[in-house]
C-alpha atoms as a PDB file:
ATOM      1  CA  UNK A   1      -6.110  19.205  18.790  1.00  0.00           C
ATOM      2  CA  UNK A   2      -4.830  17.048  15.954  1.00  0.00           C
ATOM      3  CA  UNK A   3      -1.335  17.266  14.516  1.00  0.00           C
ATOM      4  CA  UNK A   4      -1.337  18.209  10.850  1.00  0.00           C
ATOM      5  CA  UNK A   5      -0.145  15.501   8.493  1.00  0.00           C
ATOM      6  CA  UNK A   6       2.869  15.949   6.230  1.00  0.00           C
ATOM      7  CA  UNK A   7       2.902  14.304   2.815  1.00  0.00           C
ATOM      8  CA  UNK A   8       4.614  14.126  -0.553  1.00  0.00           C
ATOM      9  CA  UNK A   9       2.711  14.664  -3.776  1.00  0.00           C
ATOM     10  CA  UNK A  10       3.238  11.683  -6.066  1.00  0.00           C
ATOM     11  CA  UNK A  11       3.547  11.870  -9.872  1.00  0.00           C
ATOM     12  CA  UNK A  12       0.398  11.549 -11.960  1.00  0.00           C
ATOM     13  CA  UNK A  13      -1.596  14.511 -10.609  1.00  0.00           C
ATOM     14  CA  UNK A  14      -4.554  15.745 -12.645  1.00  0.00           C
ATOM     15  CA  UNK A  15      -5.316  19.457 -12.937  1.00  0.00           C
ATOM     16  CA  UNK A  16      -8.624  20.282 -11.260  1.00  0.00           C
ATOM     17  CA  UNK A  17     -10.832  23.091 -12.490  1.00  0.00           C
ATOM     18  CA  UNK A  18     -14.115  24.049 -10.839  1.00  0.00           C
ATOM     19  CA  UNK A  19     -13.833  27.811 -11.338  1.00  0.00           C
ATOM     20  CA  UNK A  20     -11.115  27.757  -8.656  1.00  0.00           C
ATOM     21  CA  UNK A  21      -8.802  30.761  -8.532  1.00  0.00           C
ATOM     22  CA  UNK A  22      -5.559  29.031  -7.561  1.00  0.00           C
ATOM     23  CA  UNK A  23      -3.853  26.211  -9.464  1.00  0.00           C
ATOM     24  CA  UNK A  24      -5.181  22.978  -7.987  1.00  0.00           C
ATOM     25  CA  UNK A  25      -4.484  19.318  -8.679  1.00  0.00           C
ATOM     26  CA  UNK A  26      -6.146  16.092  -7.633  1.00  0.00           C
ATOM     27  CA  UNK A  27      -3.279  13.868  -6.615  1.00  0.00           C
ATOM     28  CA  UNK A  28      -2.129  10.907  -4.611  1.00  0.00           C
ATOM     29  CA  UNK A  29      -0.268  12.019  -1.491  1.00  0.00           C
ATOM     30  CA  UNK A  30       2.071   9.787   0.472  1.00  0.00           C
ATOM     31  CA  UNK A  31       1.968  10.510   4.213  1.00  0.00           C
ATOM     32  CA  UNK A  32       3.826   8.699   6.980  1.00  0.00           C
ATOM     33  CA  UNK A  33       1.004   6.194   7.366  1.00  0.00           C
ATOM     34  CA  UNK A  34      -0.841   5.905   4.082  1.00  0.00           C
ATOM     35  CA  UNK A  35      -1.404   7.053   0.539  1.00  0.00           C
ATOM     36  CA  UNK A  36      -4.471   9.238   0.186  1.00  0.00           C
ATOM     37  CA  UNK A  37      -6.189  11.246  -2.530  1.00  0.00           C
ATOM     38  CA  UNK A  38      -6.301  14.976  -1.974  1.00  0.00           C
ATOM     39  CA  UNK A  39      -6.617  18.330  -3.676  1.00  0.00           C
ATOM     40  CA  UNK A  40      -3.294  20.160  -3.739  1.00  0.00           C
ATOM     41  CA  UNK A  41      -3.152  23.957  -4.028  1.00  0.00           C
ATOM     42  CA  UNK A  42      -0.145  26.101  -4.836  1.00  0.00           C
ATOM     43  CA  UNK A  43      -0.492  29.243  -2.701  1.00  0.00           C
ATOM     44  CA  UNK A  44       1.961  31.470  -0.844  1.00  0.00           C
ATOM     45  CA  UNK A  45       3.392  30.407   2.487  1.00  0.00           C
ATOM     46  CA  UNK A  46       1.237  32.638   4.686  1.00  0.00           C
ATOM     47  CA  UNK A  47      -1.912  31.384   2.975  1.00  0.00           C
ATOM     48  CA  UNK A  48      -0.732  27.810   3.518  1.00  0.00           C
ATOM     49  CA  UNK A  49      -0.398  28.556   7.215  1.00  0.00           C
ATOM     50  CA  UNK A  50      -3.812  30.231   7.374  1.00  0.00           C
ATOM     51  CA  UNK A  51      -5.370  27.220   5.649  1.00  0.00           C
ATOM     52  CA  UNK A  52      -3.716  24.883   8.138  1.00  0.00           C
ATOM     53  CA  UNK A  53      -4.745  26.959  11.165  1.00  0.00           C
ATOM     54  CA  UNK A  54      -8.365  27.308  10.057  1.00  0.00           C
ATOM     55  CA  UNK A  55      -8.678  23.625   9.222  1.00  0.00           C
ATOM     56  CA  UNK A  56      -7.092  22.383  12.450  1.00  0.00           C
ATOM     57  CA  UNK A  57      -9.104  24.782  14.623  1.00  0.00           C
ATOM     58  CA  UNK A  58     -12.320  24.149  12.714  1.00  0.00           C
ATOM     59  CA  UNK A  59     -11.974  20.400  13.035  1.00  0.00           C
ATOM     60  CA  UNK A  60     -11.226  20.795  16.755  1.00  0.00           C
ATOM     61  CA  UNK A  61     -14.550  22.643  17.018  1.00  0.00           C
ATOM     62  CA  UNK A  62     -16.342  19.786  15.260  1.00  0.00           C
ATOM     63  CA  UNK A  63     -16.860  21.570  11.951  1.00  0.00           C
ATOM     64  CA  UNK A  64     -17.047  19.510   8.740  1.00  0.00           C
ATOM     65  CA  UNK A  65     -13.706  20.483   7.210  1.00  0.00           C
ATOM     66  CA  UNK A  66     -11.607  17.895   5.343  1.00  0.00           C
ATOM     67  CA  UNK A  67      -8.344  16.765   6.863  1.00  0.00           C
ATOM     68  CA  UNK A  68      -5.537  19.235   6.018  1.00  0.00           C
ATOM     69  CA  UNK A  69      -2.112  18.146   4.793  1.00  0.00           C
ATOM     70  CA  UNK A  70       1.168  20.025   4.374  1.00  0.00           C
ATOM     71  CA  UNK A  71       2.492  18.766   1.069  1.00  0.00           C
ATOM     72  CA  UNK A  72       5.960  18.690  -0.396  1.00  0.00           C
ATOM     73  CA  UNK A  73       5.694  18.891  -4.184  1.00  0.00           C
ATOM     74  CA  UNK A  74       8.848  17.515  -5.850  1.00  0.00           C
ATOM     75  CA  UNK A  75       9.837  18.909  -9.229  1.00  0.00           C
ATOM     76  CA  UNK A  76       9.256  15.538 -10.881  1.00  0.00           C
ATOM     77  CA  UNK A  77       5.660  15.423  -9.583  1.00  0.00           C
ATOM     78  CA  UNK A  78       4.707  18.766 -11.110  1.00  0.00           C
ATOM     79  CA  UNK A  79       7.424  19.818 -13.577  1.00  0.00           C
ATOM     80  CA  UNK A  80       5.252  22.502 -15.200  1.00  0.00           C
ATOM     81  CA  UNK A  81       4.960  24.418 -11.913  1.00  0.00           C
ATOM     82  CA  UNK A  82       8.022  23.612  -9.821  1.00  0.00           C
ATOM     83  CA  UNK A  83      10.793  25.304 -11.744  1.00  0.00           C
ATOM     84  CA  UNK A  84      14.462  25.854 -10.904  1.00  0.00           C
ATOM     85  CA  UNK A  85      14.212  24.122  -7.516  1.00  0.00           C
ATOM     86  CA  UNK A  86      13.879  20.535  -6.317  1.00  0.00           C
ATOM     87  CA  UNK A  87      10.539  21.014  -4.558  1.00  0.00           C
ATOM     88  CA  UNK A  88       7.971  23.481  -3.254  1.00  0.00           C
ATOM     89  CA  UNK A  89       5.479  23.524  -0.401  1.00  0.00           C
ATOM     90  CA  UNK A  90       1.719  23.343  -0.935  1.00  0.00           C
ATOM     91  CA  UNK A  91      -1.505  22.837   0.979  1.00  0.00           C
ATOM     92  CA  UNK A  92      -3.880  19.939   0.458  1.00  0.00           C
ATOM     93  CA  UNK A  93      -7.271  18.814   1.674  1.00  0.00           C
ATOM     94  CA  UNK A  94      -8.118  15.147   1.769  1.00  0.00           C
ATOM     95  CA  UNK A  95     -10.697  14.287  -0.876  1.00  0.00           C
ATOM     96  CA  UNK A  96     -14.113  14.401   0.816  1.00  0.00           C
ATOM     97  CA  UNK A  97     -15.605  12.634  -2.228  1.00  0.00           C
ATOM     98  CA  UNK A  98     -18.422  15.199  -2.513  1.00  0.00           C
ATOM     99  CA  UNK A  99     -18.895  17.480  -5.528  1.00  0.00           C
ATOM    100  CA  UNK A 100     -19.091  21.225  -5.041  1.00  0.00           C
ATOM    101  CA  UNK A 101     -22.374  22.853  -4.086  1.00  0.00           C
ATOM    102  CA  UNK A 102     -22.205  24.666  -7.435  1.00  0.00           C
ATOM    103  CA  UNK A 103     -23.646  21.640  -9.238  1.00  0.00           C
ATOM    104  CA  UNK A 104     -26.781  21.548  -7.088  1.00  0.00           C
ATOM    105  CA  UNK A 105     -27.119  25.298  -6.909  1.00  0.00           C
ATOM    106  CA  UNK A 106     -27.098  25.614 -10.686  1.00  0.00           C
ATOM    107  CA  UNK A 107     -29.732  22.888 -11.015  1.00  0.00           C
ATOM    108  CA  UNK A 108     -32.148  24.335  -8.470  1.00  0.00           C
ATOM    109  CA  UNK A 109     -30.892  27.296  -6.463  1.00  0.00           C
ATOM    110  CA  UNK A 110     -34.015  27.577  -4.299  1.00  0.00           C
ATOM    111  CA  UNK A 111     -33.916  23.979  -3.044  1.00  0.00           C
ATOM    112  CA  UNK A 112     -30.142  24.108  -2.718  1.00  0.00           C
ATOM    113  CA  UNK A 113     -30.166  27.213  -0.513  1.00  0.00           C
ATOM    114  CA  UNK A 114     -33.003  25.793   1.559  1.00  0.00           C
ATOM    115  CA  UNK A 115     -30.932  22.673   2.192  1.00  0.00           C
ATOM    116  CA  UNK A 116     -27.890  24.742   3.165  1.00  0.00           C
ATOM    117  CA  UNK A 117     -29.867  26.897   5.597  1.00  0.00           C
ATOM    118  CA  UNK A 118     -31.315  23.781   7.241  1.00  0.00           C
ATOM    119  CA  UNK A 119     -27.934  22.056   7.567  1.00  0.00           C
ATOM    120  CA  UNK A 120     -27.244  21.356  11.243  1.00  0.00           C
ATOM    121  CA  UNK A 121     -23.867  23.141  11.200  1.00  0.00           C
ATOM    122  CA  UNK A 122     -24.792  26.147   9.036  1.00  0.00           C
ATOM    123  CA  UNK A 123     -24.828  28.563  11.977  1.00  0.00           C
ATOM    124  CA  UNK A 124     -21.565  27.154  13.340  1.00  0.00           C
ATOM    125  CA  UNK A 125     -19.874  27.692   9.978  1.00  0.00           C
ATOM    126  CA  UNK A 126     -21.321  31.210   9.642  1.00  0.00           C
ATOM    127  CA  UNK A 127     -20.010  32.226  13.070  1.00  0.00           C
ATOM    128  CA  UNK A 128     -16.645  30.583  12.384  1.00  0.00           C
ATOM    129  CA  UNK A 129     -16.339  32.504   9.104  1.00  0.00           C
ATOM    130  CA  UNK A 130     -16.908  35.769  10.968  1.00  0.00           C
ATOM    131  CA  UNK A 131     -14.280  34.880  13.535  1.00  0.00           C
ATOM    132  CA  UNK A 132     -11.610  34.072  10.963  1.00  0.00           C
ATOM    133  CA  UNK A 133     -12.693  36.963   8.718  1.00  0.00           C
ATOM    134  CA  UNK A 134     -13.461  34.674   5.799  1.00  0.00           C
ATOM    135  CA  UNK A 135     -15.104  36.796   3.099  1.00  0.00           C
ATOM    136  CA  UNK A 136     -14.799  34.147   0.395  1.00  0.00           C
ATOM    137  CA  UNK A 137     -17.403  31.494   1.255  1.00  0.00           C
ATOM    138  CA  UNK A 138     -19.089  30.591  -2.037  1.00  0.00           C
ATOM    139  CA  UNK A 139     -20.823  27.769  -3.901  1.00  0.00           C
ATOM    140  CA  UNK A 140     -17.466  26.513  -5.160  1.00  0.00           C
ATOM    141  CA  UNK A 141     -15.899  25.912  -1.739  1.00  0.00           C
ATOM    142  CA  UNK A 142     -18.892  24.194  -0.180  1.00  0.00           C
ATOM    143  CA  UNK A 143     -19.041  20.451  -0.874  1.00  0.00           C
ATOM    144  CA  UNK A 144     -22.398  18.670  -0.795  1.00  0.00           C
ATOM    145  CA  UNK A 145     -23.410  15.033  -1.010  1.00  0.00           C
ATOM    146  CA  UNK A 146     -26.851  15.868  -2.436  1.00  0.00           C
ATOM    147  CA  UNK A 147     -28.595  14.721   0.714  1.00  0.00           C
ATOM    148  CA  UNK A 148     -27.791  16.064   4.204  1.00  0.00           C
ATOM    149  CA  UNK A 149     -24.013  16.315   4.467  1.00  0.00           C
ATOM    150  CA  UNK A 150     -21.650  19.180   3.698  1.00  0.00           C
ATOM    151  CA  UNK A 151     -17.941  19.917   3.857  1.00  0.00           C
ATOM    152  CA  UNK A 152     -16.381  23.376   3.823  1.00  0.00           C
ATOM    153  CA  UNK A 153     -13.007  24.102   2.218  1.00  0.00           C
ATOM    154  CA  UNK A 154     -10.734  26.948   1.079  1.00  0.00           C
ATOM    155  CA  UNK A 155      -9.915  29.308   3.943  1.00  0.00           C
ATOM    156  CA  UNK A 156      -6.851  30.888   2.366  1.00  0.00           C
ATOM    157  CA  UNK A 157      -8.462  34.354   2.270  1.00  0.00           C
ATOM    158  CA  UNK A 158      -9.245  34.361   5.985  1.00  0.00           C
ATOM    159  CA  UNK A 159      -7.214  36.330   8.556  1.00  0.00           C
ATOM    160  CA  UNK A 160      -6.271  39.000   6.038  1.00  0.00           C
ATOM    161  CA  UNK A 161      -3.307  41.141   7.047  1.00  0.00           C
ATOM    162  CA  UNK A 162      -5.338  44.275   6.380  1.00  0.00           C
ATOM    163  CA  UNK A 163      -8.331  43.269   8.510  1.00  0.00           C
ATOM    164  CA  UNK A 164      -8.363  44.698  12.021  1.00  0.00           C
ATOM    165  CA  UNK A 165      -9.526  42.281  14.746  1.00  0.00           C
ATOM    166  CA  UNK A 166     -12.427  44.548  15.693  1.00  0.00           C
ATOM    167  CA  UNK A 167     -13.639  45.119  12.109  1.00  0.00           C
ATOM    168  CA  UNK A 168     -16.252  43.080  10.219  1.00  0.00           C
ATOM    169  CA  UNK A 169     -15.078  40.896   7.389  1.00  0.00           C
ATOM    170  CA  UNK A 170     -15.740  42.231   3.909  1.00  0.00           C
ATOM    171  CA  UNK A 171     -18.523  39.653   3.519  1.00  0.00           C
ATOM    172  CA  UNK A 172     -20.055  36.748   5.378  1.00  0.00           C
ATOM    173  CA  UNK A 173     -22.129  34.896   2.815  1.00  0.00           C
ATOM    174  CA  UNK A 174     -23.320  32.215   5.232  1.00  0.00           C
ATOM    175  CA  UNK A 175     -24.592  34.656   7.834  1.00  0.00           C
ATOM    176  CA  UNK A 176     -26.107  36.861   5.150  1.00  0.00           C
ATOM    177  CA  UNK A 177     -27.979  33.881   3.717  1.00  0.00           C
ATOM    178  CA  UNK A 178     -29.266  32.895   7.140  1.00  0.00           C
ATOM    179  CA  UNK A 179     -30.318  36.477   7.861  1.00  0.00           C
ATOM    180  CA  UNK A 180     -32.297  36.665   4.629  1.00  0.00           C
ATOM    181  CA  UNK A 181     -33.911  33.231   5.052  1.00  0.00           C
ATOM    182  CA  UNK A 182     -34.927  33.146   8.711  1.00  0.00           C
ATOM    183  CA  UNK A 183     -37.796  34.882  10.430  1.00  0.00           C
ATOM    184  CA  UNK A 184     -37.047  37.654  12.897  1.00  0.00           C
ATOM    185  CA  UNK A 185     -37.622  35.285  15.804  1.00  0.00           C
ATOM    186  CA  UNK A 186     -35.399  32.602  14.251  1.00  0.00           C
ATOM    187  CA  UNK A 187     -32.659  35.182  13.740  1.00  0.00           C
ATOM    188  CA  UNK A 188     -32.910  36.277  17.360  1.00  0.00           C
ATOM    189  CA  UNK A 189     -32.763  32.665  18.534  1.00  0.00           C
ATOM    190  CA  UNK A 190     -29.768  31.932  16.287  1.00  0.00           C
ATOM    191  CA  UNK A 191     -27.963  34.990  17.592  1.00  0.00           C
ATOM    192  CA  UNK A 192     -28.563  33.810  21.153  1.00  0.00           C
ATOM    193  CA  UNK A 193     -27.158  30.376  20.289  1.00  0.00           C
ATOM    194  CA  UNK A 194     -24.073  31.963  18.767  1.00  0.00           C
ATOM    195  CA  UNK A 195     -23.536  34.133  21.859  1.00  0.00           C
ATOM    196  CA  UNK A 196     -24.196  31.490  24.492  1.00  0.00           C
ATOM    197  CA  UNK A 197     -23.070  28.224  22.902  1.00  0.00           C
ATOM    198  CA  UNK A 198     -20.776  28.821  19.936  1.00  0.00           C
ATOM    199  CA  UNK A 199     -18.442  31.773  20.537  1.00  0.00           C
ATOM    200  CA  UNK A 200     -17.630  30.856  24.174  1.00  0.00           C
ATOM    201  CA  UNK A 201     -16.212  27.542  22.930  1.00  0.00           C
ATOM    202  CA  UNK A 202     -13.549  29.434  20.970  1.00  0.00           C
ATOM    203  CA  UNK A 203     -11.999  30.854  24.127  1.00  0.00           C
ATOM    204  CA  UNK A 204     -11.286  27.327  25.364  1.00  0.00           C
ATOM    205  CA  UNK A 205      -9.080  26.435  22.412  1.00  0.00           C
ATOM    206  CA  UNK A 206      -5.387  25.759  23.170  1.00  0.00           C
ATOM    207  CA  UNK A 207      -4.021  28.747  21.240  1.00  0.00           C
ATOM    208  CA  UNK A 208      -0.508  28.103  22.518  1.00  0.00           C
ATOM    209  CA  UNK A 209      -0.460  24.757  20.696  1.00  0.00           C
ATOM    210  CA  UNK A 210      -1.698  25.923  17.309  1.00  0.00           C
ATOM    211  CA  UNK A 211       1.720  26.824  15.907  1.00  0.00           C
ATOM    212  CA  UNK A 212       3.120  23.477  17.017  1.00  0.00           C
ATOM    213  CA  UNK A 213       0.183  21.494  15.659  1.00  0.00           C
ATOM    214  CA  UNK A 214       0.264  23.243  12.274  1.00  0.00           C
ATOM    215  CA  UNK A 215       4.089  23.341  11.956  1.00  0.00           C
ATOM    216  CA  UNK A 216       3.940  26.990  10.909  1.00  0.00           C
ATOM    217  CA  UNK A 217       7.362  27.746  12.357  1.00  0.00           C
ATOM    218  CA  UNK A 218       9.022  25.413   9.855  1.00  0.00           C
ATOM    219  CA  UNK A 219       8.299  27.606   6.847  1.00  0.00           C
ATOM    220  CA  UNK A 220       7.056  30.983   8.102  1.00  0.00           C
ATOM    221  CA  UNK A 221       8.644  33.735  10.204  1.00  0.00           C
ATOM    222  CA  UNK A 222       7.885  33.892  13.907  1.00  0.00           C
ATOM    223  CA  UNK A 223       6.227  37.292  13.472  1.00  0.00           C
ATOM    224  CA  UNK A 224       3.797  35.970  10.882  1.00  0.00           C
ATOM    225  CA  UNK A 225       3.005  32.857  12.903  1.00  0.00           C
ATOM    226  CA  UNK A 226       2.326  34.900  16.030  1.00  0.00           C
ATOM    227  CA  UNK A 227       0.362  37.502  14.063  1.00  0.00           C
ATOM    228  CA  UNK A 228      -2.191  34.967  12.841  1.00  0.00           C
ATOM    229  CA  UNK A 229      -2.838  33.580  16.323  1.00  0.00           C
ATOM    230  CA  UNK A 230      -2.900  37.060  17.862  1.00  0.00           C
ATOM    231  CA  UNK A 231      -5.586  38.115  15.372  1.00  0.00           C
ATOM    232  CA  UNK A 232      -7.836  35.224  16.400  1.00  0.00           C
ATOM    233  CA  UNK A 233      -7.350  35.853  20.108  1.00  0.00           C
ATOM    234  CA  UNK A 234      -7.979  39.591  19.848  1.00  0.00           C
ATOM    235  CA  UNK A 235     -10.994  39.161  17.589  1.00  0.00           C
ATOM    236  CA  UNK A 236     -12.775  37.215  20.311  1.00  0.00           C
ATOM    237  CA  UNK A 237     -13.257  40.516  22.163  1.00  0.00           C
ATOM    238  CA  UNK A 238     -15.402  41.921  19.324  1.00  0.00           C
ATOM    239  CA  UNK A 239     -16.907  38.773  17.868  1.00  0.00           C
ATOM    240  CA  UNK A 240     -20.286  38.834  19.615  1.00  0.00           C
ATOM    241  CA  UNK A 241     -20.949  42.391  18.464  1.00  0.00           C
ATOM    242  CA  UNK A 242     -19.774  41.647  14.930  1.00  0.00           C
ATOM    243  CA  UNK A 243     -22.156  38.701  14.665  1.00  0.00           C
ATOM    244  CA  UNK A 244     -25.099  40.626  16.121  1.00  0.00           C
ATOM    245  CA  UNK A 245     -24.622  43.385  13.565  1.00  0.00           C
ATOM    246  CA  UNK A 246     -24.676  40.856  10.716  1.00  0.00           C
ATOM    247  CA  UNK A 247     -28.263  39.863  11.502  1.00  0.00           C
ATOM    248  CA  UNK A 248     -29.647  43.299  10.696  1.00  0.00           C
ATOM    249  CA  UNK A 249     -32.420  43.110  13.265  1.00  0.00           C
ATOM    250  CA  UNK A 250     -35.470  45.249  12.523  1.00  0.00           C
ATOM    251  CA  UNK A 251     -36.434  45.621  16.156  1.00  0.00           C
ATOM    252  CA  UNK A 252     -33.798  47.133  18.370  1.00  0.00           C
ATOM    253  CA  UNK A 253     -34.925  45.198  21.434  1.00  0.00           C
ATOM    254  CA  UNK A 254     -33.914  41.947  19.765  1.00  0.00           C
ATOM    255  CA  UNK A 255     -30.285  43.085  19.686  1.00  0.00           C
ATOM    256  CA  UNK A 256     -30.108  43.679  23.419  1.00  0.00           C
END
């Protein structure tokens, strides 16, 4: 499991607007080893931690998620936002250099959705979203190269404090899209893959290292750090049933 990078946002950031909810800037970020371009978001500390956890875990599972960075934002780098203090903490994703899926979806939604359904990791992402309780997967936080490659960003709304580990997430747009696009047999086969190949891999993750690898204890209380990891561990007990229910099988024998 990779250690999250720490960086400093340099002056000269440009405000980024792609119908995003939170203030976001495209900026140069100085890490210990290099200067990279990333998208910096100002969100509360728990959401920063959730973003870091989801990105680090997702990347450990082989999911196409951009490299996460914990970013110090000095007052001089963003004077309009960092007020009455020398710096603030933010979350950043390394620039994947792909535009959002929104551009392709708006041009031809049918072809765009067909491409997304056929993407080799679409089922993996759908199952992952159910595990982390991510109800906010949308065309703005899917990045697409226009050919065969995707990246998935923005997990700040996952692991909601009000979501019980055994309860379904409010939405799962990826699984819903797969369920509406696949045949009954394809849905059954996908469910089997999720049960046999995908979800068992989650149990093998080094949960005890996640706090250390994401540095959550440096800026968040112990209770909140533990609560996020506890949610993920406990949710594994219900995950297979939650995923099966999402498919909406017409024939009961396919669920068994």
